[in-house]
Amino acid sequence: MEELERRAGTRVGLGASIFMADPRGAALLRRQAVGGLLGVRRLRLRHPRHRWLAIPWRDALSLLRAPGRVGWALVLCGTSVLAVAVAPDRKLLAAGAVVVAYLGAAQLLEPLRGEADQPDASRQFPWRWGDLMLLHTATPILTLTVIGLVVTVTAARLGLLPASTLGVALAGCLPVAAALVWSAAIAGQRGRLGLDQFMAASAMGELGGPLHLVRWFATGPLVALVALLVPVLVLQGAAGHPASRVHAATTNAASLLITALAVQGAWLRSRHPPD
């Protein structure tokens, strides 16, 4: 009887999520249903000694108990890196690779989105909302950096990445991971797409309403494109030129990426809990 009630609740929840254009809610219900059948892994990590490590520690536990998220991040980010390595001069491919890598980074941010779903719970912590969001991004950034290092070394071993650019590619794994994760955090900290957003969209008319909803879903990928595509295009423009121009392009790309990171970090830190 309990199993029938659980299945009925899952079916109703899936229908509501689809009706409300909430793919994340549908995915969470699916994972809960699978977890109910297979059981939940009770993995443990040593408790941190410093309070500011409590949020990254909890997020690391969440990833250990849902390794599928890390697997999808590896597949999506690995695919994007290998695609760019195969055809490094294709601008449209580079833009698609950024979006695919963003989707991989977003897989690691479910704890942050869960926090945004229940913002009142954050009052129990001694940090402001913006600082809490930044703490939630620490574990995903480290995880995505490791994934980037592994994929970059793999691409070099396969001969897809020239040895002269390996050092720059490895050094860029951390800032690129931070840009992707913070782009996903900027979108995720808003909370779920609620009824108020649908009401606002319905008040905008037949054209403005759909555009409003598209903008809601496209915010994260667009932020990632703004942060990463311009540096990538700068590097692509210097490909095949003398070493001096390549060095100057690398410096310019690094400056653009650092500026984008500074803006993203400041914007996240200034956020307030969603209403």
C-alpha atoms as a PDB file:
ATOM      1  CA  MET A   1       0.000   0.000   0.000  1.00  0.00           C
ATOM      2  CA  GLU A   2       2.808   2.406   0.876  1.00  0.00           C
ATOM      3  CA  GLU A   3       4.510   1.608  -2.433  1.00  0.00           C
ATOM      4  CA  LEU A   4       1.317   2.423  -4.346  1.00  0.00           C
ATOM      5  CA  GLU A   5       0.997   5.741  -2.499  1.00  0.00           C
ATOM      6  CA  ARG A   6       4.627   6.566  -3.278  1.00  0.00           C
ATOM      7  CA  ARG A   7       4.144   5.803  -6.964  1.00  0.00           C
ATOM      8  CA  ALA A   8       0.957   7.870  -7.105  1.00  0.00           C
ATOM      9  CA  GLY A   9       2.711  10.800  -5.438  1.00  0.00           C
ATOM     10  CA  THR A  10       5.594  10.552  -7.880  1.00  0.00           C
ATOM     11  CA  ARG A  11       3.211  10.460 -10.848  1.00  0.00           C
ATOM     12  CA  VAL A  12       1.321  13.525  -9.622  1.00  0.00           C
ATOM     13  CA  GLY A  13       4.565  15.352  -8.915  1.00  0.00           C
ATOM     14  CA  LEU A  14       5.924  14.602 -12.394  1.00  0.00           C
ATOM     15  CA  GLY A  15       2.727  15.878 -13.971  1.00  0.00           C
ATOM     16  CA  ALA A  16       2.873  19.079 -11.938  1.00  0.00           C
ATOM     17  CA  SER A  17       6.552  19.620 -12.785  1.00  0.00           C
ATOM     18  CA  ILE A  18       5.914  19.196 -16.498  1.00  0.00           C
ATOM     19  CA  PHE A  19       2.888  21.516 -16.338  1.00  0.00           C
ATOM     20  CA  MET A  20       4.957  24.165 -14.519  1.00  0.00           C
ATOM     21  CA  ALA A  21       7.911  23.807 -16.956  1.00  0.00           C
ATOM     22  CA  ASP A  22      10.143  22.596 -14.109  1.00  0.00           C
ATOM     23  CA  PRO A  23      12.525  19.992 -15.574  1.00  0.00           C
ATOM     24  CA  ARG A  24      14.646  20.085 -12.432  1.00  0.00           C
ATOM     25  CA  GLY A  25      11.672  19.123 -10.282  1.00  0.00           C
ATOM     26  CA  ALA A  26      10.893  16.223 -12.597  1.00  0.00           C
ATOM     27  CA  ALA A  27      14.518  15.063 -12.472  1.00  0.00           C
ATOM     28  CA  LEU A  28      14.559  15.225  -8.663  1.00  0.00           C
ATOM     29  CA  LEU A  29      11.383  13.136  -8.446  1.00  0.00           C
ATOM     30  CA  ARG A  30      12.899  10.582 -10.797  1.00  0.00           C
ATOM     31  CA  ARG A  31      16.057  10.364  -8.685  1.00  0.00           C
ATOM     32  CA  GLN A  32      13.996   9.995  -5.515  1.00  0.00           C
ATOM     33  CA  ALA A  33      12.020   7.173  -7.102  1.00  0.00           C
ATOM     34  CA  VAL A  34      15.206   5.393  -8.173  1.00  0.00           C
ATOM     35  CA  GLY A  35      16.740   6.003  -4.766  1.00  0.00           C
ATOM     36  CA  GLY A  36      13.693   4.481  -3.110  1.00  0.00           C
ATOM     37  CA  LEU A  37      14.199   1.310  -5.132  1.00  0.00           C
ATOM     38  CA  LEU A  38      17.984   1.051  -4.828  1.00  0.00           C
ATOM     39  CA  GLY A  39      18.456   2.608  -1.412  1.00  0.00           C
ATOM     40  CA  VAL A  40      20.549   5.609  -0.351  1.00  0.00           C
ATOM     41  CA  ARG A  41      24.298   5.351   0.037  1.00  0.00           C
ATOM     42  CA  ARG A  42      25.377   6.294   3.558  1.00  0.00           C
ATOM     43  CA  LEU A  43      28.858   7.610   2.917  1.00  0.00           C
ATOM     44  CA  ARG A  44      30.710   9.631   5.514  1.00  0.00           C
ATOM     45  CA  LEU A  45      33.425  12.252   5.524  1.00  0.00           C
ATOM     46  CA  ARG A  46      35.446  13.484   8.441  1.00  0.00           C
ATOM     47  CA  HIS A  47      33.842  16.544  10.025  1.00  0.00           C
ATOM     48  CA  PRO A  48      35.666  19.809   9.274  1.00  0.00           C
ATOM     49  CA  ARG A  49      37.415  21.731  12.020  1.00  0.00           C
ATOM     50  CA  HIS A  50      36.487  25.180  10.756  1.00  0.00           C
ATOM     51  CA  ARG A  51      32.921  26.380  10.460  1.00  0.00           C
ATOM     52  CA  TRP A  52      33.433  27.921   7.019  1.00  0.00           C
ATOM     53  CA  LEU A  53      34.196  24.435   5.703  1.00  0.00           C
ATOM     54  CA  ALA A  54      30.806  23.100   6.850  1.00  0.00           C
ATOM     55  CA  ILE A  55      29.001  24.035   3.616  1.00  0.00           C
ATOM     56  CA  PRO A  56      31.677  22.622   1.251  1.00  0.00           C
ATOM     57  CA  TRP A  57      31.807  19.482   3.431  1.00  0.00           C
ATOM     58  CA  ARG A  58      28.045  19.027   3.170  1.00  0.00           C
ATOM     59  CA  ASP A  59      28.160  19.607  -0.582  1.00  0.00           C
ATOM     60  CA  ALA A  60      30.941  17.023  -0.935  1.00  0.00           C
ATOM     61  CA  LEU A  61      28.783  14.497   0.923  1.00  0.00           C
ATOM     62  CA  SER A  62      25.913  15.282  -1.436  1.00  0.00           C
ATOM     63  CA  LEU A  63      28.095  14.559  -4.473  1.00  0.00           C
ATOM     64  CA  LEU A  64      29.430  11.345  -2.963  1.00  0.00           C
ATOM     65  CA  ARG A  65      25.874  10.149  -2.413  1.00  0.00           C
ATOM     66  CA  ALA A  66      24.886  11.102  -5.981  1.00  0.00           C
ATOM     67  CA  PRO A  67      27.901  10.080  -8.101  1.00  0.00           C
ATOM     68  CA  GLY A  68      25.769  10.246 -11.223  1.00  0.00           C
ATOM     69  CA  ARG A  69      26.039  14.052 -11.087  1.00  0.00           C
ATOM     70  CA  VAL A  70      29.824  13.872 -11.193  1.00  0.00           C
ATOM     71  CA  GLY A  71      29.585  11.341 -14.006  1.00  0.00           C
ATOM     72  CA  TRP A  72      27.395  13.619 -16.098  1.00  0.00           C
ATOM     73  CA  ALA A  73      29.695  16.567 -15.398  1.00  0.00           C
ATOM     74  CA  LEU A  74      32.639  14.471 -16.602  1.00  0.00           C
ATOM     75  CA  VAL A  75      30.809  13.388 -19.767  1.00  0.00           C
ATOM     76  CA  LEU A  76      29.520  16.861 -20.680  1.00  0.00           C
ATOM     77  CA  CYS A  77      32.695  18.789 -19.849  1.00  0.00           C
ATOM     78  CA  GLY A  78      34.897  16.112 -21.389  1.00  0.00           C
ATOM     79  CA  THR A  79      32.874  16.199 -24.589  1.00  0.00           C
ATOM     80  CA  SER A  80      33.148  19.984 -24.836  1.00  0.00           C
ATOM     81  CA  VAL A  81      36.925  19.983 -24.261  1.00  0.00           C
ATOM     82  CA  LEU A  82      37.584  17.195 -26.746  1.00  0.00           C
ATOM     83  CA  ALA A  83      35.337  18.848 -29.359  1.00  0.00           C
ATOM     84  CA  VAL A  84      37.273  22.117 -29.128  1.00  0.00           C
ATOM     85  CA  ALA A  85      40.594  20.245 -29.181  1.00  0.00           C
ATOM     86  CA  VAL A  86      39.608  18.459 -32.404  1.00  0.00           C
ATOM     87  CA  ALA A  87      38.518  21.674 -34.168  1.00  0.00           C
ATOM     88  CA  PRO A  88      40.077  24.607 -32.271  1.00  0.00           C
ATOM     89  CA  ASP A  89      39.303  27.198 -34.976  1.00  0.00           C
ATOM     90  CA  ARG A  90      35.529  26.655 -35.141  1.00  0.00           C
ATOM     91  CA  LYS A  91      33.824  29.594 -33.402  1.00  0.00           C
ATOM     92  CA  LEU A  92      30.322  28.121 -33.429  1.00  0.00           C
ATOM     93  CA  LEU A  93      31.658  24.869 -32.027  1.00  0.00           C
ATOM     94  CA  ALA A  94      33.412  26.791 -29.260  1.00  0.00           C
ATOM     95  CA  ALA A  95      30.130  28.492 -28.319  1.00  0.00           C
ATOM     96  CA  GLY A  96      28.340  25.143 -28.227  1.00  0.00           C
ATOM     97  CA  ALA A  97      31.149  23.677 -26.133  1.00  0.00           C
ATOM     98  CA  VAL A  98      30.755  26.461 -23.562  1.00  0.00           C
ATOM     99  CA  VAL A  99      27.022  25.744 -23.246  1.00  0.00           C
ATOM    100  CA  VAL A 100      27.604  21.987 -22.923  1.00  0.00           C
ATOM    101  CA  ALA A 101      30.305  22.562 -20.289  1.00  0.00           C
ATOM    102  CA  TYR A 102      27.891  24.871 -18.438  1.00  0.00           C
ATOM    103  CA  LEU A 103      25.326  22.073 -18.331  1.00  0.00           C
ATOM    104  CA  GLY A 104      28.011  19.828 -16.851  1.00  0.00           C
ATOM    105  CA  ALA A 105      28.861  22.390 -14.178  1.00  0.00           C
ATOM    106  CA  ALA A 106      25.170  22.832 -13.353  1.00  0.00           C
ATOM    107  CA  GLN A 107      24.988  19.134 -12.442  1.00  0.00           C
ATOM    108  CA  LEU A 108      27.190  19.828  -9.420  1.00  0.00           C
ATOM    109  CA  LEU A 109      25.102  22.661  -7.944  1.00  0.00           C
ATOM    110  CA  GLU A 110      22.019  20.866  -6.661  1.00  0.00           C
ATOM    111  CA  PRO A 111      22.844  21.709  -2.972  1.00  0.00           C
ATOM    112  CA  LEU A 112      22.880  25.418  -3.885  1.00  0.00           C
ATOM    113  CA  ARG A 113      19.555  25.128  -5.692  1.00  0.00           C
ATOM    114  CA  GLY A 114      18.137  23.233  -2.736  1.00  0.00           C
ATOM    115  CA  GLU A 115      19.228  26.109  -0.483  1.00  0.00           C
ATOM    116  CA  ALA A 116      17.480  28.579  -2.790  1.00  0.00           C
ATOM    117  CA  ASP A 117      14.281  26.498  -2.642  1.00  0.00           C
ATOM    118  CA  GLN A 118      14.136  27.037   1.140  1.00  0.00           C
ATOM    119  CA  PRO A 119      15.865  30.391   1.764  1.00  0.00           C
ATOM    120  CA  ASP A 120      14.479  30.693   5.300  1.00  0.00           C
ATOM    121  CA  ALA A 121      16.737  27.838   6.405  1.00  0.00           C
ATOM    122  CA  SER A 122      19.781  29.974   5.601  1.00  0.00           C
ATOM    123  CA  ARG A 123      19.014  32.166   8.622  1.00  0.00           C
ATOM    124  CA  GLN A 124      20.433  29.418  10.815  1.00  0.00           C
ATOM    125  CA  PHE A 125      23.890  30.065   9.366  1.00  0.00           C
ATOM    126  CA  PRO A 126      26.211  32.896  10.442  1.00  0.00           C
ATOM    127  CA  TRP A 127      26.753  34.074   6.850  1.00  0.00           C
ATOM    128  CA  ARG A 128      24.963  36.437   4.550  1.00  0.00           C
ATOM    129  CA  TRP A 129      23.080  34.954   1.609  1.00  0.00           C
ATOM    130  CA  GLY A 130      25.727  36.013  -0.906  1.00  0.00           C
ATOM    131  CA  ASP A 131      28.545  34.524   1.147  1.00  0.00           C
ATOM    132  CA  LEU A 132      26.536  31.320   1.568  1.00  0.00           C
ATOM    133  CA  MET A 133      26.135  31.062  -2.201  1.00  0.00           C
ATOM    134  CA  LEU A 134      29.880  31.454  -2.700  1.00  0.00           C
ATOM    135  CA  LEU A 135      30.574  28.755  -0.116  1.00  0.00           C
ATOM    136  CA  HIS A 136      28.207  26.442  -1.981  1.00  0.00           C
ATOM    137  CA  THR A 137      30.330  26.868  -5.110  1.00  0.00           C
ATOM    138  CA  ALA A 138      33.641  25.799  -3.515  1.00  0.00           C
ATOM    139  CA  THR A 139      33.162  22.034  -3.848  1.00  0.00           C
ATOM    140  CA  PRO A 140      31.758  22.200  -7.414  1.00  0.00           C
ATOM    141  CA  ILE A 141      34.666  24.404  -8.516  1.00  0.00           C
ATOM    142  CA  LEU A 142      37.236  21.971  -7.090  1.00  0.00           C
ATOM    143  CA  THR A 143      35.402  18.995  -8.608  1.00  0.00           C
ATOM    144  CA  LEU A 144      35.143  20.625 -12.026  1.00  0.00           C
ATOM    145  CA  THR A 145      38.812  21.648 -11.871  1.00  0.00           C
ATOM    146  CA  VAL A 146      39.848  18.044 -11.305  1.00  0.00           C
ATOM    147  CA  ILE A 147      37.613  16.969 -14.193  1.00  0.00           C
ATOM    148  CA  GLY A 148      39.200  19.633 -16.392  1.00  0.00           C
ATOM    149  CA  LEU A 149      42.720  18.521 -15.488  1.00  0.00           C
ATOM    150  CA  VAL A 150      41.895  14.883 -16.240  1.00  0.00           C
ATOM    151  CA  VAL A 151      40.261  15.697 -19.583  1.00  0.00           C
ATOM    152  CA  THR A 152      43.075  18.068 -20.607  1.00  0.00           C
ATOM    153  CA  VAL A 153      45.773  15.511 -19.882  1.00  0.00           C
ATOM    154  CA  THR A 154      43.726  12.890 -21.752  1.00  0.00           C
ATOM    155  CA  ALA A 155      43.444  15.181 -24.778  1.00  0.00           C
ATOM    156  CA  ALA A 156      47.208  15.770 -24.703  1.00  0.00           C
ATOM    157  CA  ARG A 157      47.922  12.029 -24.545  1.00  0.00           C
ATOM    158  CA  LEU A 158      45.610  11.461 -27.504  1.00  0.00           C
ATOM    159  CA  GLY A 159      47.567  14.016 -29.493  1.00  0.00           C
ATOM    160  CA  LEU A 160      44.652  16.457 -29.715  1.00  0.00           C
ATOM    161  CA  LEU A 161      46.403  19.167 -27.703  1.00  0.00           C
ATOM    162  CA  PRO A 162      49.841  20.488 -28.706  1.00  0.00           C
ATOM    163  CA  ALA A 163      52.515  20.159 -26.032  1.00  0.00           C
ATOM    164  CA  SER A 164      53.234  23.900 -26.271  1.00  0.00           C
ATOM    165  CA  THR A 165      49.713  24.765 -25.099  1.00  0.00           C
ATOM    166  CA  LEU A 166      49.395  22.109 -22.407  1.00  0.00           C
ATOM    167  CA  GLY A 167      50.689  24.334 -19.618  1.00  0.00           C
ATOM    168  CA  VAL A 168      48.284  27.168 -20.460  1.00  0.00           C
ATOM    169  CA  ALA A 169      45.380  24.717 -20.709  1.00  0.00           C
ATOM    170  CA  LEU A 170      46.166  23.187 -17.328  1.00  0.00           C
ATOM    171  CA  ALA A 171      46.536  26.617 -15.713  1.00  0.00           C
ATOM    172  CA  GLY A 172      43.164  27.658 -17.124  1.00  0.00           C
ATOM    173  CA  CYS A 173      41.246  24.743 -15.611  1.00  0.00           C
ATOM    174  CA  LEU A 174      40.611  26.470 -12.267  1.00  0.00           C
ATOM    175  CA  PRO A 175      39.422  29.881 -13.554  1.00  0.00           C
ATOM    176  CA  VAL A 176      37.336  28.276 -16.309  1.00  0.00           C
ATOM    177  CA  ALA A 177      35.735  25.942 -13.742  1.00  0.00           C
ATOM    178  CA  ALA A 178      34.990  28.937 -11.501  1.00  0.00           C
ATOM    179  CA  ALA A 179      33.408  30.848 -14.400  1.00  0.00           C
ATOM    180  CA  LEU A 180      31.177  27.902 -15.318  1.00  0.00           C
ATOM    181  CA  VAL A 181      30.134  27.172 -11.734  1.00  0.00           C
ATOM    182  CA  TRP A 182      29.458  30.806 -10.906  1.00  0.00           C
ATOM    183  CA  SER A 183      27.392  31.161 -14.090  1.00  0.00           C
ATOM    184  CA  ALA A 184      25.285  28.223 -12.934  1.00  0.00           C
ATOM    185  CA  ALA A 185      25.115  29.696  -9.416  1.00  0.00           C
ATOM    186  CA  ILE A 186      23.859  33.041 -10.731  1.00  0.00           C
ATOM    187  CA  ALA A 187      20.944  31.204 -12.311  1.00  0.00           C
ATOM    188  CA  GLY A 188      20.430  28.703  -9.489  1.00  0.00           C
ATOM    189  CA  GLN A 189      20.329  31.167  -6.587  1.00  0.00           C
ATOM    190  CA  ARG A 190      17.045  32.621  -7.890  1.00  0.00           C
ATOM    191  CA  GLY A 191      15.096  29.557  -6.762  1.00  0.00           C
ATOM    192  CA  ARG A 192      12.555  27.625  -8.790  1.00  0.00           C
ATOM    193  CA  LEU A 193      10.460  29.073 -11.565  1.00  0.00           C
ATOM    194  CA  GLY A 194       7.421  30.024  -9.497  1.00  0.00           C
ATOM    195  CA  LEU A 195       3.846  31.042 -10.142  1.00  0.00           C
ATOM    196  CA  ASP A 196       4.819  34.711  -9.863  1.00  0.00           C
ATOM    197  CA  GLN A 197       7.058  34.328 -12.914  1.00  0.00           C
ATOM    198  CA  PHE A 198       4.215  32.783 -14.900  1.00  0.00           C
ATOM    199  CA  MET A 199       1.914  35.608 -13.817  1.00  0.00           C
ATOM    200  CA  ALA A 200       4.496  38.171 -14.914  1.00  0.00           C
ATOM    201  CA  ALA A 201       4.920  36.358 -18.245  1.00  0.00           C
ATOM    202  CA  SER A 202       1.152  36.235 -18.840  1.00  0.00           C
ATOM    203  CA  ALA A 203       0.968  39.994 -18.277  1.00  0.00           C
ATOM    204  CA  MET A 204       3.591  40.630 -20.984  1.00  0.00           C
ATOM    205  CA  GLY A 205       1.478  39.413 -23.872  1.00  0.00           C
ATOM    206  CA  GLU A 206       1.912  36.765 -26.522  1.00  0.00           C
ATOM    207  CA  LEU A 207       5.439  37.872 -27.458  1.00  0.00           C
ATOM    208  CA  GLY A 208       6.860  39.223 -24.220  1.00  0.00           C
ATOM    209  CA  GLY A 209       5.639  36.324 -22.066  1.00  0.00           C
ATOM    210  CA  PRO A 210       7.481  33.515 -23.876  1.00  0.00           C
ATOM    211  CA  LEU A 211      10.583  35.697 -24.164  1.00  0.00           C
ATOM    212  CA  HIS A 212      10.472  36.258 -20.398  1.00  0.00           C
ATOM    213  CA  LEU A 213      10.404  32.505 -19.749  1.00  0.00           C
ATOM    214  CA  VAL A 214      13.146  31.855 -22.317  1.00  0.00           C
ATOM    215  CA  ARG A 215      15.302  34.493 -20.625  1.00  0.00           C
ATOM    216  CA  TRP A 216      14.763  32.760 -17.281  1.00  0.00           C
ATOM    217  CA  PHE A 217      16.089  29.448 -18.573  1.00  0.00           C
ATOM    218  CA  ALA A 218      18.817  31.014 -20.746  1.00  0.00           C
ATOM    219  CA  THR A 219      20.340  33.246 -18.071  1.00  0.00           C
ATOM    220  CA  GLY A 220      22.994  30.763 -16.951  1.00  0.00           C
ATOM    221  CA  PRO A 221      24.212  29.734 -20.428  1.00  0.00           C
ATOM    222  CA  LEU A 222      24.280  33.365 -21.565  1.00  0.00           C
ATOM    223  CA  VAL A 223      26.366  34.408 -18.558  1.00  0.00           C
ATOM    224  CA  ALA A 224      28.775  31.539 -19.276  1.00  0.00           C
ATOM    225  CA  LEU A 225      29.044  32.616 -22.923  1.00  0.00           C
ATOM    226  CA  VAL A 226      29.781  36.208 -21.966  1.00  0.00           C
ATOM    227  CA  ALA A 227      32.436  35.119 -19.456  1.00  0.00           C
ATOM    228  CA  LEU A 228      34.198  32.482 -21.577  1.00  0.00           C
ATOM    229  CA  LEU A 229      33.468  32.919 -25.274  1.00  0.00           C
ATOM    230  CA  VAL A 230      35.267  36.261 -25.631  1.00  0.00           C
ATOM    231  CA  PRO A 231      38.560  34.919 -24.156  1.00  0.00           C
ATOM    232  CA  VAL A 232      38.209  31.806 -26.332  1.00  0.00           C
ATOM    233  CA  LEU A 233      37.738  33.947 -29.456  1.00  0.00           C
ATOM    234  CA  VAL A 234      40.822  35.981 -28.544  1.00  0.00           C
ATOM    235  CA  LEU A 235      42.871  32.796 -28.320  1.00  0.00           C
ATOM    236  CA  GLN A 236      41.410  31.465 -31.570  1.00  0.00           C
ATOM    237  CA  GLY A 237      42.360  34.684 -33.353  1.00  0.00           C
ATOM    238  CA  ALA A 238      46.013  34.195 -32.407  1.00  0.00           C
ATOM    239  CA  ALA A 239      46.210  30.575 -33.558  1.00  0.00           C
ATOM    240  CA  GLY A 240      48.891  30.010 -36.194  1.00  0.00           C
ATOM    241  CA  HIS A 241      50.586  33.370 -35.573  1.00  0.00           C
ATOM    242  CA  PRO A 242      54.066  34.085 -34.129  1.00  0.00           C
ATOM    243  CA  ALA A 243      54.778  33.256 -30.493  1.00  0.00           C
ATOM    244  CA  SER A 244      54.764  36.929 -29.476  1.00  0.00           C
ATOM    245  CA  ARG A 245      51.201  37.386 -30.670  1.00  0.00           C
ATOM    246  CA  VAL A 246      50.113  34.124 -29.034  1.00  0.00           C
ATOM    247  CA  HIS A 247      51.627  35.288 -25.736  1.00  0.00           C
ATOM    248  CA  ALA A 248      49.856  38.651 -25.997  1.00  0.00           C
ATOM    249  CA  ALA A 249      46.557  36.931 -26.806  1.00  0.00           C
ATOM    250  CA  THR A 250      46.978  34.605 -23.818  1.00  0.00           C
ATOM    251  CA  THR A 251      47.581  37.600 -21.548  1.00  0.00           C
ATOM    252  CA  ASN A 252      44.536  39.415 -22.918  1.00  0.00           C
ATOM    253  CA  ALA A 253      42.340  36.334 -22.582  1.00  0.00           C
ATOM    254  CA  ALA A 254      43.487  35.835 -18.986  1.00  0.00           C
ATOM    255  CA  SER A 255      42.720  39.476 -18.181  1.00  0.00           C
ATOM    256  CA  LEU A 256      39.240  39.187 -19.682  1.00  0.00           C
ATOM    257  CA  LEU A 257      38.553  35.988 -17.757  1.00  0.00           C
ATOM    258  CA  ILE A 258      39.767  37.456 -14.446  1.00  0.00           C
ATOM    259  CA  THR A 259      37.570  40.514 -15.008  1.00  0.00           C
ATOM    260  CA  ALA A 260      34.561  38.302 -15.700  1.00  0.00           C
ATOM    261  CA  LEU A 261      35.269  36.295 -12.538  1.00  0.00           C
ATOM    262  CA  ALA A 262      35.513  39.467 -10.466  1.00  0.00           C
ATOM    263  CA  VAL A 263      32.133  40.649 -11.771  1.00  0.00           C
ATOM    264  CA  GLN A 264      30.514  37.253 -11.204  1.00  0.00           C
ATOM    265  CA  GLY A 265      31.896  36.931  -7.679  1.00  0.00           C
ATOM    266  CA  ALA A 266      30.866  40.456  -6.703  1.00  0.00           C
ATOM    267  CA  TRP A 267      27.381  39.950  -8.167  1.00  0.00           C
ATOM    268  CA  LEU A 268      26.879  36.661  -6.329  1.00  0.00           C
ATOM    269  CA  ARG A 269      28.107  38.122  -3.042  1.00  0.00           C
ATOM    270  CA  SER A 270      25.638  41.002  -3.309  1.00  0.00           C
ATOM    271  CA  ARG A 271      22.579  38.753  -3.719  1.00  0.00           C
ATOM    272  CA  HIS A 272      19.732  38.451  -1.230  1.00  0.00           C
ATOM    273  CA  PRO A 273      17.471  35.457  -0.545  1.00  0.00           C
ATOM    274  CA  PRO A 274      14.711  34.980  -3.129  1.00  0.00           C
ATOM    275  CA  ASP A 275      11.238  36.055  -2.073  1.00  0.00           C
END
